[in-house]
């Protein structure tokens, strides 16, 4: 009786190696970090970027995620429309800005998912600087008047 190829069990999935913090992948001979790590050999957002063993490109990638986080805070706390503007036009522009902010937020989240400690610190610093510049009262002209201009977009929520 011939054996059927349908009865052959599939191999077990690769196991997570707790001692190294790596999980092997099947498609490439690359290990993926499952815990935070320090070092400039990381992939941030795109395959092969910023490249391996290139500290200058790594610093550029940190600057990029920092700027992305600042832009998220800018879009979250600034008012871009004058009172009394056309409601329909403002509604479409608000929707576009909301979509842009959501996309940038997801890019920042994906950058942090590289599990690189430097990327994480750059994102946190970018959000902090962005909030200081655009969300706090440190640089607002209306401080003390009791009337703060409302942001054009609703606040970001968790959940």
N, C-alpha and C. Protein backbone atom coordinates (compact mmCIF):
# COMPACT_ATOMS: atom_id res chain seq x y z
N UNK A 1 0.84 -1.17 0.00
CA UNK A 1 0.00 0.00 0.00
C UNK A 1 0.89 1.24 0.00
N UNK A 2 0.66 2.14 -0.90
CA UNK A 2 1.48 3.34 -1.04
C UNK A 2 1.06 4.39 -0.01
N UNK A 3 2.04 5.08 0.52
CA UNK A 3 1.76 6.14 1.49
C UNK A 3 1.29 7.39 0.76
N UNK A 4 0.30 8.03 1.32
CA UNK A 4 -0.23 9.26 0.74
C UNK A 4 0.57 10.45 1.27
N UNK A 5 0.83 11.39 0.39
CA UNK A 5 1.58 12.57 0.83
C UNK A 5 0.73 13.49 1.70
N UNK A 6 -0.58 13.22 1.77
CA UNK A 6 -1.46 14.05 2.61
C UNK A 6 -1.34 13.68 4.08
N UNK A 7 -0.79 12.52 4.38
CA UNK A 7 -0.70 12.08 5.77
C UNK A 7 0.63 12.45 6.42
N UNK A 8 1.49 13.13 5.71
CA UNK A 8 2.79 13.51 6.26
C UNK A 8 2.60 14.73 7.16
N UNK A 9 2.99 14.62 8.42
CA UNK A 9 2.79 15.78 9.31
C UNK A 9 3.75 16.92 8.94
N UNK A 10 3.29 18.12 9.16
CA UNK A 10 4.14 19.28 8.88
C UNK A 10 5.14 19.45 10.01
N UNK A 11 6.28 20.05 9.71
CA UNK A 11 7.29 20.24 10.77
C UNK A 11 6.78 21.26 11.79
N UNK A 12 7.24 21.13 13.03
CA UNK A 12 6.79 22.07 14.06
C UNK A 12 7.30 23.48 13.76
N UNK A 13 6.58 24.51 14.25
CA UNK A 13 7.04 25.88 14.02
C UNK A 13 8.34 26.14 14.77
N UNK A 14 9.13 27.10 14.30
CA UNK A 14 10.39 27.39 14.98
C UNK A 14 10.13 27.90 16.39
N UNK A 15 10.98 27.53 17.29
CA UNK A 15 10.81 27.90 18.69
C UNK A 15 11.53 29.20 19.00
N UNK A 16 10.96 29.96 19.90
CA UNK A 16 11.57 31.19 20.38
C UNK A 16 12.73 30.83 21.29
N UNK A 17 13.88 31.40 21.06
CA UNK A 17 15.06 31.15 21.87
C UNK A 17 15.13 32.22 22.94
N UNK A 18 14.76 31.88 24.17
CA UNK A 18 14.69 32.86 25.25
C UNK A 18 16.06 33.39 25.64
N UNK A 19 17.11 32.62 25.43
CA UNK A 19 18.43 33.08 25.84
C UNK A 19 18.97 34.19 24.94
N UNK A 20 18.60 34.17 23.66
CA UNK A 20 19.09 35.21 22.75
C UNK A 20 18.05 36.27 22.44
N UNK A 21 16.77 35.99 22.69
CA UNK A 21 15.72 36.95 22.38
C UNK A 21 15.38 36.97 20.90
N UNK A 22 15.75 35.93 20.17
CA UNK A 22 15.51 35.87 18.73
C UNK A 22 14.45 34.83 18.41
N UNK A 23 13.75 35.06 17.32
CA UNK A 23 12.85 34.07 16.78
C UNK A 23 13.24 33.88 15.32
N UNK A 24 13.62 32.65 14.93
CA UNK A 24 14.04 32.45 13.54
C UNK A 24 12.88 32.62 12.57
N UNK A 25 13.18 33.13 11.39
CA UNK A 25 12.18 33.26 10.34
C UNK A 25 12.49 32.26 9.24
N UNK A 26 11.49 31.87 8.47
CA UNK A 26 11.67 30.83 7.47
C UNK A 26 12.14 31.38 6.13
N UNK A 27 11.70 32.56 5.75
CA UNK A 27 12.00 33.06 4.41
C UNK A 27 13.44 33.50 4.24
N UNK A 28 13.99 34.14 5.24
CA UNK A 28 15.36 34.64 5.15
C UNK A 28 16.17 34.08 6.29
N UNK A 29 17.45 34.15 6.14
CA UNK A 29 18.35 33.71 7.21
C UNK A 29 18.61 34.88 8.15
N UNK A 30 17.53 35.50 8.65
CA UNK A 30 17.65 36.64 9.53
C UNK A 30 16.90 36.35 10.82
N UNK A 31 17.43 36.83 11.91
CA UNK A 31 16.77 36.67 13.18
C UNK A 31 16.00 37.94 13.52
N UNK A 32 14.85 37.77 14.13
CA UNK A 32 14.01 38.90 14.51
C UNK A 32 14.02 39.02 16.03
N UNK A 33 14.29 40.21 16.51
CA UNK A 33 14.33 40.44 17.95
C UNK A 33 12.92 40.40 18.52
N UNK A 34 12.79 39.78 19.68
CA UNK A 34 11.51 39.75 20.39
C UNK A 34 11.62 40.50 21.72
N UNK A 35 12.77 41.11 22.00
CA UNK A 35 12.99 41.94 23.17
C UNK A 35 13.78 43.17 22.73
N UNK A 36 13.78 44.22 23.55
CA UNK A 36 14.53 45.41 23.19
C UNK A 36 16.03 45.09 23.20
N UNK A 37 16.75 45.73 22.29
CA UNK A 37 18.19 45.54 22.20
C UNK A 37 18.82 46.88 21.86
N UNK A 38 20.11 46.99 22.13
CA UNK A 38 20.88 48.19 21.83
C UNK A 38 21.84 47.89 20.70
N UNK A 39 22.00 48.81 19.81
CA UNK A 39 22.96 48.64 18.72
C UNK A 39 22.47 49.33 17.46
N UNK A 40 23.39 49.61 16.55
CA UNK A 40 23.03 50.32 15.33
C UNK A 40 22.75 49.39 14.16
N UNK A 41 22.80 48.08 14.37
CA UNK A 41 22.43 47.12 13.33
C UNK A 41 20.96 46.75 13.52
N UNK A 42 20.09 47.53 12.94
CA UNK A 42 18.65 47.32 13.08
C UNK A 42 17.97 47.64 11.76
N UNK A 43 16.79 47.07 11.57
CA UNK A 43 15.95 47.44 10.43
C UNK A 43 14.79 48.25 10.97
N UNK A 44 14.64 49.45 10.45
CA UNK A 44 13.61 50.35 10.92
C UNK A 44 12.68 50.67 9.75
N UNK A 45 11.44 50.30 9.86
CA UNK A 45 10.37 50.57 8.91
C UNK A 45 10.47 49.81 7.59
N UNK A 46 11.64 49.73 6.97
CA UNK A 46 11.77 49.10 5.67
C UNK A 46 12.87 48.05 5.71
N UNK A 47 12.71 47.01 4.92
CA UNK A 47 13.71 45.96 4.85
C UNK A 47 15.03 46.53 4.33
N UNK A 48 16.09 46.29 5.08
CA UNK A 48 17.40 46.77 4.67
C UNK A 48 17.70 48.21 5.04
N UNK A 49 16.80 48.91 5.72
CA UNK A 49 17.05 50.30 6.09
C UNK A 49 17.13 50.41 7.59
N UNK A 50 18.10 51.00 8.17
CA UNK A 50 19.14 51.85 7.61
C UNK A 50 20.37 51.10 7.14
N UNK A 51 20.35 49.80 7.15
CA UNK A 51 21.52 49.04 6.72
C UNK A 51 22.31 48.55 7.93
N UNK A 52 23.13 47.59 7.69
CA UNK A 52 23.92 47.01 8.78
C UNK A 52 25.29 47.71 8.87
N UNK A 53 25.74 47.88 10.08
CA UNK A 53 27.07 48.43 10.36
C UNK A 53 27.31 49.78 9.71
N UNK A 54 26.29 50.65 9.73
CA UNK A 54 26.43 51.99 9.19
C UNK A 54 25.86 52.97 10.21
N UNK A 55 26.68 53.45 11.15
CA UNK A 55 26.18 54.34 12.21
C UNK A 55 25.57 55.64 11.70
N UNK A 56 26.04 56.16 10.57
CA UNK A 56 25.50 57.41 10.04
C UNK A 56 24.05 57.21 9.58
N UNK A 57 23.80 56.12 8.88
CA UNK A 57 22.43 55.84 8.43
C UNK A 57 21.52 55.52 9.62
N UNK A 58 22.07 54.87 10.65
CA UNK A 58 21.30 54.60 11.85
C UNK A 58 20.89 55.92 12.52
N UNK A 59 21.83 56.86 12.62
CA UNK A 59 21.52 58.17 13.19
C UNK A 59 20.45 58.89 12.36
N UNK A 60 20.53 58.76 11.04
CA UNK A 60 19.51 59.35 10.16
C UNK A 60 18.15 58.71 10.41
N UNK A 61 18.12 57.40 10.62
CA UNK A 61 16.84 56.75 10.90
C UNK A 61 16.27 57.22 12.24
N UNK A 62 17.12 57.44 13.23
CA UNK A 62 16.66 57.97 14.52
C UNK A 62 16.09 59.38 14.35
N UNK A 63 16.75 60.19 13.53
CA UNK A 63 16.25 61.53 13.26
C UNK A 63 14.89 61.47 12.56
N UNK A 64 14.74 60.54 11.63
CA UNK A 64 13.46 60.41 10.90
C UNK A 64 12.32 60.03 11.84
N UNK A 65 12.54 59.05 12.73
CA UNK A 65 11.45 58.67 13.63
C UNK A 65 11.19 59.77 14.67
N UNK A 66 12.22 60.51 15.04
CA UNK A 66 12.03 61.66 15.92
C UNK A 66 11.12 62.70 15.26
N UNK A 67 11.40 63.03 14.01
CA UNK A 67 10.59 64.01 13.27
C UNK A 67 9.17 63.50 13.07
N UNK A 68 9.00 62.21 12.79
CA UNK A 68 7.65 61.65 12.65
C UNK A 68 6.85 61.84 13.93
N UNK A 69 7.48 61.58 15.08
CA UNK A 69 6.79 61.74 16.36
C UNK A 69 6.44 63.21 16.62
N UNK A 70 7.33 64.13 16.27
CA UNK A 70 7.03 65.57 16.42
C UNK A 70 5.85 65.95 15.52
N UNK A 71 5.82 65.43 14.29
CA UNK A 71 4.71 65.74 13.37
C UNK A 71 3.38 65.21 13.90
N UNK A 72 3.39 64.05 14.53
CA UNK A 72 2.16 63.52 15.13
C UNK A 72 1.65 64.50 16.19
N UNK A 73 2.55 65.02 17.01
CA UNK A 73 2.13 65.98 18.04
C UNK A 73 1.67 67.29 17.42
N UNK A 74 2.32 67.74 16.37
CA UNK A 74 1.89 68.96 15.67
C UNK A 74 0.46 68.80 15.17
N UNK A 75 0.19 67.69 14.50
CA UNK A 75 -1.15 67.47 13.98
C UNK A 75 -2.18 67.27 15.08
N UNK A 76 -1.75 66.81 16.24
CA UNK A 76 -2.68 66.55 17.34
C UNK A 76 -3.05 67.81 18.12
N UNK A 77 -2.20 68.83 18.11
CA UNK A 77 -2.43 69.97 19.01
C UNK A 77 -2.60 71.32 18.33
N UNK A 78 -2.43 71.41 17.05
CA UNK A 78 -2.51 72.73 16.40
C UNK A 78 -3.84 72.94 15.70
N UNK A 79 -4.23 74.18 15.64
CA UNK A 79 -5.44 74.57 14.93
C UNK A 79 -5.01 75.15 13.58
N UNK A 80 -5.51 74.55 12.52
CA UNK A 80 -5.12 74.97 11.18
C UNK A 80 -6.21 75.77 10.47
N UNK A 81 -7.39 75.90 11.07
CA UNK A 81 -8.52 76.52 10.39
C UNK A 81 -9.02 77.73 11.17
N UNK A 82 -9.44 78.74 10.44
CA UNK A 82 -9.98 79.94 11.06
C UNK A 82 -11.45 79.72 11.39
N UNK A 83 -11.92 80.31 12.49
CA UNK A 83 -13.35 80.20 12.81
C UNK A 83 -14.19 80.83 11.70
N UNK A 84 -15.32 80.23 11.39
CA UNK A 84 -16.22 80.75 10.38
C UNK A 84 -15.90 80.29 8.97
N UNK A 85 -14.92 79.40 8.81
CA UNK A 85 -14.58 78.89 7.48
C UNK A 85 -15.68 77.94 7.00
N UNK A 86 -15.71 77.68 5.70
CA UNK A 86 -16.71 76.80 5.10
C UNK A 86 -16.67 75.44 5.78
N UNK A 87 -17.81 75.03 6.35
CA UNK A 87 -17.88 73.80 7.12
C UNK A 87 -17.56 72.55 6.32
N UNK A 88 -18.05 72.47 5.09
CA UNK A 88 -17.81 71.29 4.27
C UNK A 88 -16.34 71.19 3.89
N UNK A 89 -15.77 72.30 3.46
CA UNK A 89 -14.35 72.29 3.08
C UNK A 89 -13.47 71.95 4.28
N UNK A 90 -13.78 72.54 5.43
CA UNK A 90 -13.02 72.26 6.64
C UNK A 90 -13.18 70.80 7.04
N UNK A 91 -14.37 70.26 6.87
CA UNK A 91 -14.60 68.85 7.19
C UNK A 91 -13.74 67.93 6.35
N UNK A 92 -13.64 68.21 5.05
CA UNK A 92 -12.78 67.39 4.19
C UNK A 92 -11.30 67.56 4.54
N UNK A 93 -10.89 68.78 4.84
CA UNK A 93 -9.50 69.00 5.23
C UNK A 93 -9.17 68.33 6.57
N UNK A 94 -10.13 68.41 7.52
CA UNK A 94 -9.92 67.74 8.80
C UNK A 94 -9.78 66.23 8.61
N UNK A 95 -10.60 65.68 7.73
CA UNK A 95 -10.53 64.24 7.46
C UNK A 95 -9.18 63.87 6.86
N UNK A 96 -8.68 64.71 5.95
CA UNK A 96 -7.36 64.46 5.38
C UNK A 96 -6.26 64.54 6.42
N UNK A 97 -6.33 65.55 7.29
CA UNK A 97 -5.32 65.68 8.36
C UNK A 97 -5.41 64.53 9.35
N UNK A 98 -6.64 64.11 9.67
CA UNK A 98 -6.83 62.99 10.58
C UNK A 98 -6.22 61.72 10.00
N UNK A 99 -6.43 61.50 8.70
CA UNK A 99 -5.87 60.34 8.02
C UNK A 99 -4.35 60.40 8.02
N UNK A 100 -3.80 61.57 7.76
CA UNK A 100 -2.34 61.75 7.78
C UNK A 100 -1.79 61.47 9.17
N UNK A 101 -2.44 62.01 10.20
CA UNK A 101 -1.97 61.78 11.57
C UNK A 101 -2.05 60.30 11.92
N UNK A 102 -3.11 59.63 11.51
CA UNK A 102 -3.24 58.19 11.80
C UNK A 102 -2.13 57.40 11.11
N UNK A 103 -1.85 57.72 9.86
CA UNK A 103 -0.78 57.03 9.14
C UNK A 103 0.57 57.27 9.77
N UNK A 104 0.85 58.51 10.15
CA UNK A 104 2.13 58.81 10.80
C UNK A 104 2.24 58.10 12.15
N UNK A 105 1.14 58.03 12.87
CA UNK A 105 1.15 57.33 14.17
C UNK A 105 1.46 55.85 13.98
N UNK A 106 0.89 55.25 12.95
CA UNK A 106 1.18 53.83 12.70
C UNK A 106 2.64 53.64 12.26
N UNK A 107 3.19 54.57 11.49
CA UNK A 107 4.60 54.46 11.13
C UNK A 107 5.49 54.54 12.37
N UNK A 108 5.15 55.43 13.29
CA UNK A 108 5.92 55.55 14.53
C UNK A 108 5.82 54.25 15.33
N UNK A 109 4.61 53.68 15.39
CA UNK A 109 4.42 52.43 16.10
C UNK A 109 5.25 51.31 15.46
N UNK A 110 5.24 51.24 14.14
CA UNK A 110 6.02 50.21 13.45
C UNK A 110 7.52 50.40 13.67
N UNK A 111 7.97 51.64 13.75
CA UNK A 111 9.38 51.89 14.03
C UNK A 111 9.75 51.37 15.40
N UNK A 112 8.91 51.59 16.40
CA UNK A 112 9.18 51.10 17.75
C UNK A 112 9.19 49.57 17.76
N UNK A 113 8.41 48.97 16.88
CA UNK A 113 8.36 47.50 16.83
C UNK A 113 9.64 46.90 16.26
N UNK A 114 10.61 47.72 15.89
CA UNK A 114 11.93 47.19 15.54
C UNK A 114 12.64 46.69 16.80
N UNK A 115 12.12 47.04 17.95
CA UNK A 115 12.65 46.64 19.26
C UNK A 115 14.06 47.17 19.51
N UNK A 116 14.42 48.24 18.84
CA UNK A 116 15.71 48.87 19.06
C UNK A 116 15.54 49.94 20.13
N UNK A 117 16.39 49.91 21.15
CA UNK A 117 16.28 50.87 22.25
C UNK A 117 16.48 52.31 21.79
N UNK A 118 17.39 52.54 20.85
CA UNK A 118 17.61 53.89 20.34
C UNK A 118 16.40 54.44 19.61
N UNK A 119 15.73 53.59 18.84
CA UNK A 119 14.52 54.02 18.14
C UNK A 119 13.43 54.37 19.15
N UNK A 120 13.28 53.55 20.17
CA UNK A 120 12.29 53.82 21.21
C UNK A 120 12.55 55.16 21.88
N UNK A 121 13.80 55.42 22.25
CA UNK A 121 14.13 56.69 22.90
C UNK A 121 13.92 57.88 21.96
N UNK A 122 14.22 57.72 20.67
CA UNK A 122 14.01 58.79 19.70
C UNK A 122 12.52 59.11 19.56
N UNK A 123 11.68 58.09 19.57
CA UNK A 123 10.24 58.30 19.46
C UNK A 123 9.70 59.01 20.70
N UNK A 124 10.11 58.55 21.88
CA UNK A 124 9.65 59.18 23.12
C UNK A 124 10.12 60.63 23.18
N UNK A 125 11.36 60.89 22.80
CA UNK A 125 11.88 62.26 22.79
C UNK A 125 11.12 63.11 21.76
N UNK A 126 10.80 62.55 20.61
CA UNK A 126 10.04 63.29 19.61
C UNK A 126 8.66 63.67 20.09
N UNK A 127 7.98 62.74 20.75
CA UNK A 127 6.66 63.07 21.32
C UNK A 127 6.79 64.13 22.41
N UNK A 128 7.83 64.03 23.24
CA UNK A 128 8.01 65.01 24.32
C UNK A 128 8.28 66.40 23.76
N UNK A 129 9.18 66.51 22.79
CA UNK A 129 9.50 67.81 22.18
C UNK A 129 8.29 68.35 21.44
N UNK A 130 7.59 67.49 20.72
CA UNK A 130 6.39 67.93 20.01
C UNK A 130 5.32 68.44 20.95
N UNK A 131 5.12 67.74 22.07
CA UNK A 131 4.13 68.22 23.04
C UNK A 131 4.58 69.52 23.67
N UNK A 132 5.87 69.63 23.99
CA UNK A 132 6.37 70.88 24.57
C UNK A 132 6.12 72.05 23.63
N UNK A 133 6.40 71.86 22.35
CA UNK A 133 6.25 72.95 21.37
C UNK A 133 4.79 73.25 21.02
N UNK A 134 3.97 72.21 20.89
CA UNK A 134 2.63 72.41 20.33
C UNK A 134 1.49 72.14 21.30
N UNK A 135 1.72 71.37 22.36
CA UNK A 135 0.63 70.99 23.24
C UNK A 135 0.66 71.65 24.60
N UNK A 136 1.83 72.02 25.08
CA UNK A 136 1.91 72.62 26.41
C UNK A 136 1.67 74.12 26.33
N UNK A 137 1.59 74.73 27.48
CA UNK A 137 1.37 76.18 27.53
C UNK A 137 2.67 76.97 27.48
N UNK A 138 3.78 76.28 27.34
CA UNK A 138 5.08 76.94 27.38
C UNK A 138 5.23 77.99 26.28
N UNK A 139 4.68 77.74 25.09
CA UNK A 139 4.86 78.66 23.97
C UNK A 139 3.54 79.20 23.43
N UNK A 140 2.47 79.12 24.21
CA UNK A 140 1.18 79.62 23.75
C UNK A 140 1.04 81.09 24.13
N UNK A 141 0.53 81.88 23.20
CA UNK A 141 0.35 83.31 23.43
C UNK A 141 -0.86 83.59 24.29
N UNK A 142 -1.84 82.68 24.31
CA UNK A 142 -3.08 82.94 25.04
C UNK A 142 -3.01 82.49 26.49
N UNK A 143 -1.82 82.20 27.00
CA UNK A 143 -1.68 81.74 28.37
C UNK A 143 -2.19 82.82 29.32
N UNK A 144 -3.05 82.42 30.23
CA UNK A 144 -3.58 83.33 31.23
C UNK A 144 -4.88 83.99 30.81
N UNK A 145 -5.27 83.93 29.55
CA UNK A 145 -6.51 84.57 29.13
C UNK A 145 -7.72 83.69 29.41
N UNK A 146 -7.49 82.39 29.70
CA UNK A 146 -8.61 81.50 29.97
C UNK A 146 -9.20 80.91 28.70
N UNK A 147 -8.79 81.38 27.54
CA UNK A 147 -9.32 80.88 26.28
C UNK A 147 -8.16 80.31 25.46
N UNK A 148 -8.14 79.02 25.33
CA UNK A 148 -7.14 78.38 24.50
C UNK A 148 -7.82 77.92 23.22
N UNK A 149 -7.15 78.12 22.10
CA UNK A 149 -7.71 77.67 20.83
C UNK A 149 -7.76 76.15 20.81
N UNK A 150 -8.85 75.63 20.29
CA UNK A 150 -9.02 74.19 20.22
C UNK A 150 -8.27 73.65 19.00
N UNK A 151 -7.71 72.48 19.15
CA UNK A 151 -7.00 71.84 18.04
C UNK A 151 -7.99 71.49 16.94
N UNK A 152 -7.49 71.40 15.71
CA UNK A 152 -8.33 71.07 14.57
C UNK A 152 -8.80 69.62 14.58
N UNK A 153 -8.02 68.74 15.20
CA UNK A 153 -8.36 67.32 15.21
C UNK A 153 -8.72 66.88 16.61
N UNK A 154 -9.58 65.88 16.73
CA UNK A 154 -9.89 65.36 18.07
C UNK A 154 -8.65 64.70 18.67
N UNK A 155 -8.61 64.60 19.99
CA UNK A 155 -7.43 63.98 20.61
C UNK A 155 -7.32 62.50 20.23
N UNK A 156 -6.09 62.02 20.26
CA UNK A 156 -5.88 60.58 19.99
C UNK A 156 -6.36 59.81 21.20
N UNK A 157 -7.03 58.70 20.96
CA UNK A 157 -7.54 57.89 22.05
C UNK A 157 -6.90 56.51 22.00
N UNK A 158 -6.87 55.87 23.13
CA UNK A 158 -6.38 54.50 23.20
C UNK A 158 -7.57 53.57 23.32
N UNK A 159 -7.83 52.83 22.28
CA UNK A 159 -8.91 51.83 22.37
C UNK A 159 -10.02 52.10 21.53
